[in-house]
Amino acid sequence: MDLQIEFFGVPFVIMALVLLISMFRVLREYERGVIFMLGRFYKVKGPGLIILVPFLQQMVRVDLRTVVMDVPTQDVISRDNVSVKVNAVIYFRVIDPQKAIIQVENFLEATSQLSQTTLRSVLGQHELDDMLAEREQLNADVQAILDKQTDAWGIKVANVEIKHVDLDESMIRAIAKQAEAERERRAKVIHAQGEFEASEKLLEAAKVLSQQDQALQLRYLQTLVEIAGDKSSTIVFPMPIDLVTGIKKLAERST
């Protein structure tokens, strides 16, 4: 007569086989296993083949690959009281599996919430022009704050990128007017600078022409040639100022 041992209706051989299979776990190169012995932290194992003691040890898998997380659109009020909508993306990975499992309940959700509040806090301290022109510096500021705060969770924030800064239509029109006014200002400055440089050259030319009276007369003749080349029926004869002054003095004497 064969002796067959059963536990709760399951043959002992089958149960032993199931327990033996459950002892072996395989972790990939990018995975680590946080092992707990009777509820207490034991060690971090992996990658490769892991052997667990049934009923005494439990394992939690942790992925060490870089996580790309999209930060939802946040309503931000800048320091100059402009309401904008900003979204971003963060790149982070777990560098200490023990802290990532023990120190925080869900490190993915915790990092996501922290990134949203940090993004609003940092951008709210800057003006709209800084958000549009100094985006790299803002990325570095947000990354530094997140990396410092998530260090206690065993997480390394590698990079933060602000993707979009959306404005209202009224604000877009105001910025367009501001840009147009700035271009007009620059045009006037350039024109005034040109007039100033031209006046300096004219002053130098006048000094050269004043050294010889014949030079001024030759300049008059050259001007007449240029006027005649324009096919104009009107010819202007330049009159020296000294002649006008002499005529004025004679008229005063006659009176």
C-alpha atoms as a PDB file:
ATOM      1  CA  MET A   1       0.000   0.000   0.000  1.00  0.00           C
ATOM      2  CA  ASP A   2       1.524   3.394  -1.162  1.00  0.00           C
ATOM      3  CA  LEU A   3       1.734   6.138   1.416  1.00  0.00           C
ATOM      4  CA  GLN A   4       0.656   9.507  -0.049  1.00  0.00           C
ATOM      5  CA  ILE A   5       0.930  12.626   2.133  1.00  0.00           C
ATOM      6  CA  GLU A   6      -1.465  15.467   1.390  1.00  0.00           C
ATOM      7  CA  PHE A   7      -1.763  18.998   2.724  1.00  0.00           C
ATOM      8  CA  PHE A   8      -5.252  20.477   2.410  1.00  0.00           C
ATOM      9  CA  GLY A   9      -5.979  18.060  -0.381  1.00  0.00           C
ATOM     10  CA  VAL A  10      -2.768  18.878  -2.374  1.00  0.00           C
ATOM     11  CA  PRO A  11      -0.124  16.153  -2.731  1.00  0.00           C
ATOM     12  CA  PHE A  12       3.139  16.867  -0.920  1.00  0.00           C
ATOM     13  CA  VAL A  13       5.240  16.399  -4.061  1.00  0.00           C
ATOM     14  CA  ILE A  14       3.295  19.037  -5.980  1.00  0.00           C
ATOM     15  CA  MET A  15       3.464  21.500  -3.107  1.00  0.00           C
ATOM     16  CA  ALA A  16       7.212  20.968  -2.708  1.00  0.00           C
ATOM     17  CA  LEU A  17       7.682  21.532  -6.443  1.00  0.00           C
ATOM     18  CA  VAL A  18       5.701  24.781  -6.357  1.00  0.00           C
ATOM     19  CA  LEU A  19       7.697  26.038  -3.363  1.00  0.00           C
ATOM     20  CA  LEU A  20      10.956  25.124  -5.072  1.00  0.00           C
ATOM     21  CA  ILE A  21      10.006  27.015  -8.214  1.00  0.00           C
ATOM     22  CA  SER A  22       8.896  30.062  -6.211  1.00  0.00           C
ATOM     23  CA  MET A  23      12.323  30.265  -4.577  1.00  0.00           C
ATOM     24  CA  PHE A  24      14.033  31.299  -7.814  1.00  0.00           C
ATOM     25  CA  ARG A  25      13.637  34.756  -9.368  1.00  0.00           C
ATOM     26  CA  VAL A  26      15.476  36.258 -12.335  1.00  0.00           C
ATOM     27  CA  LEU A  27      16.247  39.970 -12.431  1.00  0.00           C
ATOM     28  CA  ARG A  28      17.240  41.727 -15.631  1.00  0.00           C
ATOM     29  CA  GLU A  29      20.336  43.894 -15.928  1.00  0.00           C
ATOM     30  CA  TYR A  30      18.361  47.087 -15.245  1.00  0.00           C
ATOM     31  CA  GLU A  31      16.417  45.622 -12.282  1.00  0.00           C
ATOM     32  CA  ARG A  32      17.210  45.281  -8.605  1.00  0.00           C
ATOM     33  CA  GLY A  33      15.366  43.386  -5.889  1.00  0.00           C
ATOM     34  CA  VAL A  34      14.794  44.869  -2.431  1.00  0.00           C
ATOM     35  CA  ILE A  35      14.647  41.851  -0.095  1.00  0.00           C
ATOM     36  CA  PHE A  36      12.707  41.877   3.192  1.00  0.00           C
ATOM     37  CA  MET A  37      13.229  39.213   5.867  1.00  0.00           C
ATOM     38  CA  LEU A  38      10.113  38.838   8.039  1.00  0.00           C
ATOM     39  CA  GLY A  39       9.134  42.411   7.197  1.00  0.00           C
ATOM     40  CA  ARG A  40      12.564  43.912   7.889  1.00  0.00           C
ATOM     41  CA  PHE A  41      14.939  45.123   5.230  1.00  0.00           C
ATOM     42  CA  TYR A  42      17.570  42.498   4.451  1.00  0.00           C
ATOM     43  CA  LYS A  43      19.585  43.551   1.356  1.00  0.00           C
ATOM     44  CA  VAL A  44      19.423  44.606  -2.283  1.00  0.00           C
ATOM     45  CA  LYS A  45      20.112  41.847  -4.804  1.00  0.00           C
ATOM     46  CA  GLY A  46      20.492  41.576  -8.555  1.00  0.00           C
ATOM     47  CA  PRO A  47      20.799  41.344 -11.411  1.00  0.00           C
ATOM     48  CA  GLY A  48      20.734  37.639 -12.262  1.00  0.00           C
ATOM     49  CA  LEU A  49      19.327  34.636 -10.405  1.00  0.00           C
ATOM     50  CA  ILE A  50      17.899  35.360  -6.947  1.00  0.00           C
ATOM     51  CA  ILE A  51      16.996  32.710  -4.385  1.00  0.00           C
ATOM     52  CA  LEU A  52      14.313  33.556  -1.829  1.00  0.00           C
ATOM     53  CA  VAL A  53      13.322  31.601   1.263  1.00  0.00           C
ATOM     54  CA  PRO A  54       9.566  30.928   0.974  1.00  0.00           C
ATOM     55  CA  PHE A  55       7.326  32.519   3.611  1.00  0.00           C
ATOM     56  CA  LEU A  56      10.330  34.283   5.184  1.00  0.00           C
ATOM     57  CA  GLN A  57      11.555  36.599   2.440  1.00  0.00           C
ATOM     58  CA  GLN A  58       9.716  38.898   0.061  1.00  0.00           C
ATOM     59  CA  MET A  59      11.128  40.877  -2.852  1.00  0.00           C
ATOM     60  CA  VAL A  60      10.132  44.169  -4.457  1.00  0.00           C
ATOM     61  CA  ARG A  61      11.411  44.853  -7.972  1.00  0.00           C
ATOM     62  CA  VAL A  62      12.871  48.276  -8.771  1.00  0.00           C
ATOM     63  CA  ASP A  63      13.586  49.525 -12.305  1.00  0.00           C
ATOM     64  CA  LEU A  64      16.844  51.502 -12.580  1.00  0.00           C
ATOM     65  CA  ARG A  65      16.244  52.862 -16.077  1.00  0.00           C
ATOM     66  CA  THR A  66      15.712  56.574 -16.698  1.00  0.00           C
ATOM     67  CA  VAL A  67      12.059  57.560 -16.411  1.00  0.00           C
ATOM     68  CA  VAL A  68      10.673  60.236 -18.740  1.00  0.00           C
ATOM     69  CA  MET A  69       7.740  61.916 -16.982  1.00  0.00           C
ATOM     70  CA  ASP A  70       5.516  64.552 -18.514  1.00  0.00           C
ATOM     71  CA  VAL A  71       4.556  67.298 -16.060  1.00  0.00           C
ATOM     72  CA  PRO A  72       0.908  68.342 -16.631  1.00  0.00           C
ATOM     73  CA  THR A  73       0.163  71.907 -17.690  1.00  0.00           C
ATOM     74  CA  GLN A  74       0.395  74.271 -14.743  1.00  0.00           C
ATOM     75  CA  ASP A  75      -1.238  77.693 -14.328  1.00  0.00           C
ATOM     76  CA  VAL A  76       1.522  80.089 -13.315  1.00  0.00           C
ATOM     77  CA  ILE A  77       1.330  83.788 -12.428  1.00  0.00           C
ATOM     78  CA  SER A  78       4.666  85.465 -13.142  1.00  0.00           C
ATOM     79  CA  ARG A  79       6.240  88.130 -10.973  1.00  0.00           C
ATOM     80  CA  ASP A  80       4.892  90.850 -13.301  1.00  0.00           C
ATOM     81  CA  ASN A  81       1.322  89.450 -12.843  1.00  0.00           C
ATOM     82  CA  VAL A  82       0.990  87.672 -16.192  1.00  0.00           C
ATOM     83  CA  SER A  83      -1.011  84.436 -16.257  1.00  0.00           C
ATOM     84  CA  VAL A  84       0.593  81.697 -18.379  1.00  0.00           C
ATOM     85  CA  LYS A  85       0.215  77.947 -18.849  1.00  0.00           C
ATOM     86  CA  VAL A  86       3.463  75.980 -18.638  1.00  0.00           C
ATOM     87  CA  ASN A  87       4.246  72.299 -19.048  1.00  0.00           C
ATOM     88  CA  ALA A  88       7.535  70.451 -18.831  1.00  0.00           C
ATOM     89  CA  VAL A  89       9.208  67.042 -18.916  1.00  0.00           C
ATOM     90  CA  ILE A  90      11.620  65.610 -16.344  1.00  0.00           C
ATOM     91  CA  TYR A  91      14.196  62.829 -16.634  1.00  0.00           C
ATOM     92  CA  PHE A  92      15.090  60.886 -13.489  1.00  0.00           C
ATOM     93  CA  ARG A  93      16.146  57.433 -12.329  1.00  0.00           C
ATOM     94  CA  VAL A  94      16.489  55.439  -9.120  1.00  0.00           C
ATOM     95  CA  ILE A  95      20.061  55.258  -7.815  1.00  0.00           C
ATOM     96  CA  ASP A  96      19.284  53.791  -4.364  1.00  0.00           C
ATOM     97  CA  PRO A  97      16.565  51.095  -4.506  1.00  0.00           C
ATOM     98  CA  GLN A  98      16.461  50.786  -0.709  1.00  0.00           C
ATOM     99  CA  LYS A  99      15.501  54.435  -0.186  1.00  0.00           C
ATOM    100  CA  ALA A 100      13.103  54.443  -3.159  1.00  0.00           C
ATOM    101  CA  ILE A 101      11.064  51.624  -1.577  1.00  0.00           C
ATOM    102  CA  ILE A 102      11.396  52.350   2.141  1.00  0.00           C
ATOM    103  CA  GLN A 103      11.486  56.159   2.376  1.00  0.00           C
ATOM    104  CA  VAL A 104       8.474  56.915   0.161  1.00  0.00           C
ATOM    105  CA  GLU A 105       5.291  55.022  -0.605  1.00  0.00           C
ATOM    106  CA  ASN A 106       5.261  55.609  -4.377  1.00  0.00           C
ATOM    107  CA  PHE A 107       8.357  57.362  -5.689  1.00  0.00           C
ATOM    108  CA  LEU A 108       6.852  57.916  -9.161  1.00  0.00           C
ATOM    109  CA  GLU A 109       3.772  59.717  -7.818  1.00  0.00           C
ATOM    110  CA  ALA A 110       5.844  61.627  -5.259  1.00  0.00           C
ATOM    111  CA  THR A 111       8.285  62.850  -7.912  1.00  0.00           C
ATOM    112  CA  SER A 112       5.421  63.883 -10.192  1.00  0.00           C
ATOM    113  CA  GLN A 113       3.672  65.945  -7.504  1.00  0.00           C
ATOM    114  CA  LEU A 114       6.925  67.530  -6.357  1.00  0.00           C
ATOM    115  CA  SER A 115       7.833  68.527  -9.917  1.00  0.00           C
ATOM    116  CA  GLN A 116       4.471  70.264 -10.389  1.00  0.00           C
ATOM    117  CA  THR A 117       4.745  72.352  -7.219  1.00  0.00           C
ATOM    118  CA  THR A 118       8.413  73.180  -7.875  1.00  0.00           C
ATOM    119  CA  LEU A 119       7.654  74.290 -11.438  1.00  0.00           C
ATOM    120  CA  ARG A 120       4.951  76.696 -10.229  1.00  0.00           C
ATOM    121  CA  SER A 121       7.128  78.002  -7.406  1.00  0.00           C
ATOM    122  CA  VAL A 122      10.234  78.670  -9.509  1.00  0.00           C
ATOM    123  CA  LEU A 123       8.477  80.229 -12.509  1.00  0.00           C
ATOM    124  CA  GLY A 124       6.341  82.410 -10.240  1.00  0.00           C
ATOM    125  CA  GLN A 125       9.517  84.169  -9.079  1.00  0.00           C
ATOM    126  CA  HIS A 126      10.438  85.314 -12.605  1.00  0.00           C
ATOM    127  CA  GLU A 127       8.953  87.745 -15.094  1.00  0.00           C
ATOM    128  CA  LEU A 128       7.460  86.727 -18.424  1.00  0.00           C
ATOM    129  CA  ASP A 129      10.509  87.904 -20.376  1.00  0.00           C
ATOM    130  CA  ASP A 130      12.704  85.582 -18.312  1.00  0.00           C
ATOM    131  CA  MET A 131      10.418  82.616 -19.041  1.00  0.00           C
ATOM    132  CA  LEU A 132      10.713  83.263 -22.782  1.00  0.00           C
ATOM    133  CA  ALA A 133      14.376  84.283 -23.036  1.00  0.00           C
ATOM    134  CA  GLU A 134      16.154  82.459 -20.189  1.00  0.00           C
ATOM    135  CA  ARG A 135      14.571  79.032 -20.411  1.00  0.00           C
ATOM    136  CA  GLU A 136      17.870  77.162 -19.981  1.00  0.00           C
ATOM    137  CA  GLN A 137      18.545  78.909 -16.683  1.00  0.00           C
ATOM    138  CA  LEU A 138      15.033  78.128 -15.446  1.00  0.00           C
ATOM    139  CA  ASN A 139      15.497  74.474 -16.416  1.00  0.00           C
ATOM    140  CA  ALA A 140      18.703  74.353 -14.381  1.00  0.00           C
ATOM    141  CA  ASP A 141      17.027  75.974 -11.352  1.00  0.00           C
ATOM    142  CA  VAL A 142      14.097  73.542 -11.341  1.00  0.00           C
ATOM    143  CA  GLN A 143      16.433  70.569 -11.845  1.00  0.00           C
ATOM    144  CA  ALA A 144      18.675  71.613  -8.953  1.00  0.00           C
ATOM    145  CA  ILE A 145      15.723  71.989  -6.545  1.00  0.00           C
ATOM    146  CA  LEU A 146      14.151  68.661  -7.541  1.00  0.00           C
ATOM    147  CA  ASP A 147      17.458  66.815  -7.348  1.00  0.00           C
ATOM    148  CA  LYS A 148      18.105  68.143  -3.858  1.00  0.00           C
ATOM    149  CA  GLN A 149      14.652  67.235  -2.516  1.00  0.00           C
ATOM    150  CA  THR A 150      14.464  63.773  -4.128  1.00  0.00           C
ATOM    151  CA  ASP A 151      17.922  62.776  -2.903  1.00  0.00           C
ATOM    152  CA  ALA A 152      16.339  61.455   0.321  1.00  0.00           C
ATOM    153  CA  TRP A 153      14.238  59.084  -1.836  1.00  0.00           C
ATOM    154  CA  GLY A 154      17.255  57.682  -3.679  1.00  0.00           C
ATOM    155  CA  ILE A 155      16.304  59.428  -6.931  1.00  0.00           C
ATOM    156  CA  LYS A 156      18.570  61.390  -9.270  1.00  0.00           C
ATOM    157  CA  VAL A 157      16.900  64.065 -11.420  1.00  0.00           C
ATOM    158  CA  ALA A 158      19.102  64.320 -14.504  1.00  0.00           C
ATOM    159  CA  ASN A 159      17.313  66.972 -16.529  1.00  0.00           C
ATOM    160  CA  VAL A 160      14.245  69.213 -16.684  1.00  0.00           C
ATOM    161  CA  GLU A 161      12.956  70.773 -19.910  1.00  0.00           C
ATOM    162  CA  ILE A 162      10.199  73.387 -20.113  1.00  0.00           C
ATOM    163  CA  LYS A 163       8.299  72.570 -23.298  1.00  0.00           C
ATOM    164  CA  HIS A 164       5.603  75.207 -23.805  1.00  0.00           C
ATOM    165  CA  VAL A 165       4.715  78.616 -22.390  1.00  0.00           C
ATOM    166  CA  ASP A 166       1.193  79.447 -23.588  1.00  0.00           C
ATOM    167  CA  LEU A 167      -0.182  82.996 -23.419  1.00  0.00           C
ATOM    168  CA  ASP A 168      -3.636  84.509 -23.868  1.00  0.00           C
ATOM    169  CA  GLU A 169      -4.478  86.192 -27.163  1.00  0.00           C
ATOM    170  CA  SER A 170      -4.603  89.623 -25.517  1.00  0.00           C
ATOM    171  CA  MET A 171      -1.131  89.138 -24.073  1.00  0.00           C
ATOM    172  CA  ILE A 172       0.198  88.005 -27.468  1.00  0.00           C
ATOM    173  CA  ARG A 173      -1.102  91.209 -29.060  1.00  0.00           C
ATOM    174  CA  ALA A 174       0.460  93.294 -26.288  1.00  0.00           C
ATOM    175  CA  ILE A 175       3.813  91.586 -26.783  1.00  0.00           C
ATOM    176  CA  ALA A 176       3.573  92.181 -30.551  1.00  0.00           C
ATOM    177  CA  LYS A 177       2.978  95.898 -29.950  1.00  0.00           C
ATOM    178  CA  GLN A 178       5.905  96.009 -27.558  1.00  0.00           C
ATOM    179  CA  ALA A 179       8.160  94.337 -30.128  1.00  0.00           C
ATOM    180  CA  GLU A 180       7.019  96.775 -32.832  1.00  0.00           C
ATOM    181  CA  ALA A 181       7.732  99.755 -30.570  1.00  0.00           C
ATOM    182  CA  GLU A 182      11.164  98.330 -29.798  1.00  0.00           C
ATOM    183  CA  ARG A 183      11.957  98.018 -33.517  1.00  0.00           C
ATOM    184  CA  GLU A 184      10.850 101.612 -34.134  1.00  0.00           C
ATOM    185  CA  ARG A 185      13.046 102.780 -31.272  1.00  0.00           C
ATOM    186  CA  ARG A 186      16.046 100.986 -32.711  1.00  0.00           C
ATOM    187  CA  ALA A 187      15.345 102.435 -36.172  1.00  0.00           C
ATOM    188  CA  LYS A 188      15.276 105.970 -34.770  1.00  0.00           C
ATOM    189  CA  VAL A 189      18.495 105.405 -32.850  1.00  0.00           C
ATOM    190  CA  ILE A 190      20.218 104.060 -35.962  1.00  0.00           C
ATOM    191  CA  HIS A 191      18.928 107.004 -38.024  1.00  0.00           C
ATOM    192  CA  ALA A 192      20.153 109.507 -35.424  1.00  0.00           C
ATOM    193  CA  GLN A 193      23.531 107.779 -35.306  1.00  0.00           C
ATOM    194  CA  GLY A 194      23.754 108.030 -39.086  1.00  0.00           C
ATOM    195  CA  GLU A 195      22.925 111.744 -39.006  1.00  0.00           C
ATOM    196  CA  PHE A 196      25.601 112.293 -36.374  1.00  0.00           C
ATOM    197  CA  GLU A 197      28.267 110.500 -38.384  1.00  0.00           C
ATOM    198  CA  ALA A 198      27.220 112.364 -41.546  1.00  0.00           C
ATOM    199  CA  SER A 199      27.513 115.717 -39.760  1.00  0.00           C
ATOM    200  CA  GLU A 200      31.039 114.844 -38.668  1.00  0.00           C
ATOM    201  CA  LYS A 201      32.035 114.029 -42.253  1.00  0.00           C
ATOM    202  CA  LEU A 202      30.411 117.240 -43.539  1.00  0.00           C
ATOM    203  CA  LEU A 203      32.368 119.218 -40.961  1.00  0.00           C
ATOM    204  CA  GLU A 204      35.609 117.667 -42.139  1.00  0.00           C
ATOM    205  CA  ALA A 205      34.686 118.365 -45.781  1.00  0.00           C
ATOM    206  CA  ALA A 206      33.879 122.000 -44.976  1.00  0.00           C
ATOM    207  CA  LYS A 207      37.261 122.432 -43.323  1.00  0.00           C
ATOM    208  CA  VAL A 208      39.014 121.072 -46.422  1.00  0.00           C
ATOM    209  CA  LEU A 209      36.980 123.253 -48.840  1.00  0.00           C
ATOM    210  CA  SER A 210      37.572 126.367 -46.736  1.00  0.00           C
ATOM    211  CA  GLN A 211      41.314 126.162 -47.352  1.00  0.00           C
ATOM    212  CA  GLN A 212      40.953 127.150 -51.054  1.00  0.00           C
ATOM    213  CA  ASP A 213      38.250 129.375 -52.557  1.00  0.00           C
ATOM    214  CA  GLN A 214      38.639 127.630 -55.924  1.00  0.00           C
ATOM    215  CA  ALA A 215      37.719 124.310 -54.336  1.00  0.00           C
ATOM    216  CA  LEU A 216      34.349 125.665 -53.268  1.00  0.00           C
ATOM    217  CA  GLN A 217      33.759 127.056 -56.764  1.00  0.00           C
ATOM    218  CA  LEU A 218      34.583 123.670 -58.312  1.00  0.00           C
ATOM    219  CA  ARG A 219      32.082 122.102 -55.947  1.00  0.00           C
ATOM    220  CA  TYR A 220      29.420 124.544 -57.197  1.00  0.00           C
ATOM    221  CA  LEU A 221      30.138 123.576 -60.794  1.00  0.00           C
ATOM    222  CA  GLN A 222      29.954 119.868 -59.963  1.00  0.00           C
ATOM    223  CA  THR A 223      26.583 120.419 -58.340  1.00  0.00           C
ATOM    224  CA  LEU A 224      25.327 122.166 -61.515  1.00  0.00           C
ATOM    225  CA  VAL A 225      26.478 119.213 -63.619  1.00  0.00           C
ATOM    226  CA  GLU A 226      24.567 116.811 -61.376  1.00  0.00           C
ATOM    227  CA  ILE A 227      21.401 118.960 -61.604  1.00  0.00           C
ATOM    228  CA  ALA A 228      21.650 119.143 -65.396  1.00  0.00           C
ATOM    229  CA  GLY A 229      21.955 115.358 -65.593  1.00  0.00           C
ATOM    230  CA  ASP A 230      18.568 114.928 -63.912  1.00  0.00           C
ATOM    231  CA  LYS A 231      16.779 116.423 -66.979  1.00  0.00           C
ATOM    232  CA  SER A 232      15.341 119.173 -64.873  1.00  0.00           C
ATOM    233  CA  SER A 233      14.235 122.527 -66.363  1.00  0.00           C
ATOM    234  CA  THR A 234      15.152 124.370 -63.180  1.00  0.00           C
ATOM    235  CA  ILE A 235      18.750 125.405 -62.512  1.00  0.00           C
ATOM    236  CA  VAL A 236      19.764 126.696 -59.099  1.00  0.00           C
ATOM    237  CA  PHE A 237      22.717 129.047 -58.875  1.00  0.00           C
ATOM    238  CA  PRO A 238      24.264 129.040 -55.416  1.00  0.00           C
ATOM    239  CA  MET A 239      24.865 132.519 -54.054  1.00  0.00           C
ATOM    240  CA  PRO A 240      27.666 133.113 -51.569  1.00  0.00           C
ATOM    241  CA  ILE A 241      26.617 134.313 -48.156  1.00  0.00           C
ATOM    242  CA  ASP A 242      29.175 137.153 -48.313  1.00  0.00           C
ATOM    243  CA  LEU A 243      27.419 138.620 -51.354  1.00  0.00           C
ATOM    244  CA  VAL A 244      24.066 138.569 -49.585  1.00  0.00           C
ATOM    245  CA  THR A 245      25.620 140.265 -46.552  1.00  0.00           C
ATOM    246  CA  GLY A 246      27.141 143.019 -48.764  1.00  0.00           C
ATOM    247  CA  ILE A 247      23.827 143.687 -50.500  1.00  0.00           C
ATOM    248  CA  LYS A 248      22.111 143.948 -47.140  1.00  0.00           C
ATOM    249  CA  LYS A 249      24.648 146.486 -45.880  1.00  0.00           C
ATOM    250  CA  LEU A 250      24.253 148.638 -49.052  1.00  0.00           C
ATOM    251  CA  ALA A 251      20.492 148.611 -48.623  1.00  0.00           C
ATOM    252  CA  GLU A 252      20.846 149.752 -45.006  1.00  0.00           C
ATOM    253  CA  ARG A 253      23.123 152.635 -46.013  1.00  0.00           C
ATOM    254  CA  SER A 254      20.781 153.811 -48.731  1.00  0.00           C
ATOM    255  CA  THR A 255      17.982 154.094 -46.230  1.00  0.00           C
END
